[in-house]
C-alpha cells in the first residue's frame, strides 16, 4: 500500500476560497432573477449524485477512511432525499 499525504482541509486552499467566493457572488447576483425552482432542484440533486460518486471513488482508492466515508455518505444521502422530496413537491 502506498503512503498517503496527510489530508488537508480544502477550505485552506486559496483556489477553493476564490472559487467559493465566486459562487456566492453568482448566487447574490442571480437571487433576484426568477428561476425555475424544479430545474434548480434537479441540478442540485444531480450534483449530489456526482458528489456521491466522488466519495465512492475516494474510498475505493483508499484516499478516504471507511469511517469518514460512512459519515459523509450518510449526510449526503439525507441531502439527496430532501432534494428528491423538493423535486416531487414542485411537480404539484
Protein backbone atom coordinates (compact mmCIF):
# COMPACT_ATOMS: atom_id res chain seq x y z
CA UNK A 1 0.00 0.00 0.00
CA UNK A 2 1.36 3.41 -0.91
CA UNK A 3 2.00 6.11 1.64
CA UNK A 4 -0.60 8.85 1.57
CA UNK A 5 -0.04 12.51 2.22
CA UNK A 6 -1.90 13.83 5.25
CA UNK A 7 -5.40 15.03 4.42
CA UNK A 8 -5.66 18.78 4.15
CA UNK A 9 -8.81 20.81 4.65
CA UNK A 10 -9.74 22.01 1.17
CA UNK A 11 -11.03 25.25 2.68
CA UNK A 12 -7.45 26.33 3.43
CA UNK A 13 -6.59 26.38 -0.28
CA UNK A 14 -6.70 29.82 -1.89
CA UNK A 15 -8.11 28.39 -5.10
CA UNK A 16 -11.04 26.89 -3.16
CA UNK A 17 -11.59 30.17 -1.28
CA UNK A 18 -11.69 32.14 -4.53
CA UNK A 19 -13.99 29.62 -6.19
CA UNK A 20 -16.31 29.60 -3.19
CA UNK A 21 -16.44 33.40 -3.12
CA UNK A 22 -17.23 33.40 -6.85
CA UNK A 23 -20.16 31.00 -6.38
CA UNK A 24 -21.51 33.13 -3.51
CA UNK A 25 -21.26 36.22 -5.71
CA UNK A 26 -23.11 34.49 -8.55
CA UNK A 27 -25.91 33.46 -6.18
CA UNK A 28 -26.13 37.01 -4.81
CA UNK A 29 -26.43 38.47 -8.32
CA UNK A 30 -28.97 35.93 -9.55
CA UNK A 31 -31.10 35.88 -6.41
CA UNK A 32 -33.46 38.49 -7.81
CA UNK A 33 -33.82 36.68 -11.14
CA UNK A 34 -36.90 34.45 -11.25
CA UNK A 35 -35.77 30.88 -11.77
CA UNK A 36 -37.41 27.58 -12.45
CA UNK A 37 -37.14 26.02 -8.98
CA UNK A 38 -37.71 22.50 -10.18
CA UNK A 39 -34.81 22.82 -12.61
CA UNK A 40 -32.61 24.11 -9.81
CA UNK A 41 -33.63 21.24 -7.50
CA UNK A 42 -32.87 18.69 -10.23
CA UNK A 43 -29.47 20.24 -10.89
CA UNK A 44 -28.71 20.17 -7.16
CA UNK A 45 -29.80 16.52 -6.98
CA UNK A 46 -27.51 15.60 -9.89
CA UNK A 47 -24.65 17.43 -8.18
CA UNK A 48 -25.31 15.43 -5.01
CA UNK A 49 -25.20 12.21 -7.06
CA UNK A 50 -21.89 13.31 -8.57
CA UNK A 51 -20.53 14.08 -5.10
CA UNK A 52 -21.53 10.56 -4.02
CA UNK A 53 -19.61 9.12 -6.94
CA UNK A 54 -16.52 11.09 -5.89
CA UNK A 55 -16.87 9.81 -2.32
CA UNK A 56 -17.09 6.23 -3.56
CA UNK A 57 -14.02 6.68 -5.75
CA UNK A 58 -12.05 8.31 -2.91
CA UNK A 59 -12.98 5.41 -0.62
CA UNK A 60 -12.22 2.71 -3.20
CA UNK A 61 -8.85 4.31 -3.99
CA UNK A 62 -8.10 4.35 -0.24
CA UNK A 63 -7.95 8.15 -0.01
CA UNK A 64 -10.91 8.23 2.37
CA UNK A 65 -11.06 6.06 5.50
CA UNK A 66 -14.17 3.91 5.95
CA UNK A 67 -15.43 5.86 8.99
CA UNK A 68 -15.22 9.17 7.11
CA UNK A 69 -16.86 7.64 4.05
CA UNK A 70 -19.76 6.32 6.14
CA UNK A 71 -20.31 9.68 7.83
CA UNK A 72 -20.18 11.67 4.58
CA UNK A 73 -22.29 9.16 2.66
CA UNK A 74 -24.96 9.32 5.35
CA UNK A 75 -25.02 13.13 5.31
CA UNK A 76 -25.18 13.17 1.53
CA UNK A 77 -27.99 10.62 1.49
CA UNK A 78 -30.06 12.89 3.75
CA UNK A 79 -29.45 15.80 1.41
CA UNK A 80 -30.37 13.71 -1.64
CA UNK A 81 -33.63 12.62 0.00
CA UNK A 82 -34.54 16.23 0.85
CA UNK A 83 -33.79 17.34 -2.70
CA UNK A 84 -35.86 14.49 -4.14
CA UNK A 85 -38.83 15.50 -1.97
CA UNK A 86 -38.48 19.07 -3.22
CA UNK A 87 -38.46 17.83 -6.81
CA UNK A 88 -41.58 15.73 -6.21
CA UNK A 89 -43.41 18.59 -4.47
CA UNK A 90 -42.52 21.02 -7.25
CA UNK A 91 -44.44 18.81 -9.72
CA UNK A 92 -47.71 19.67 -7.98
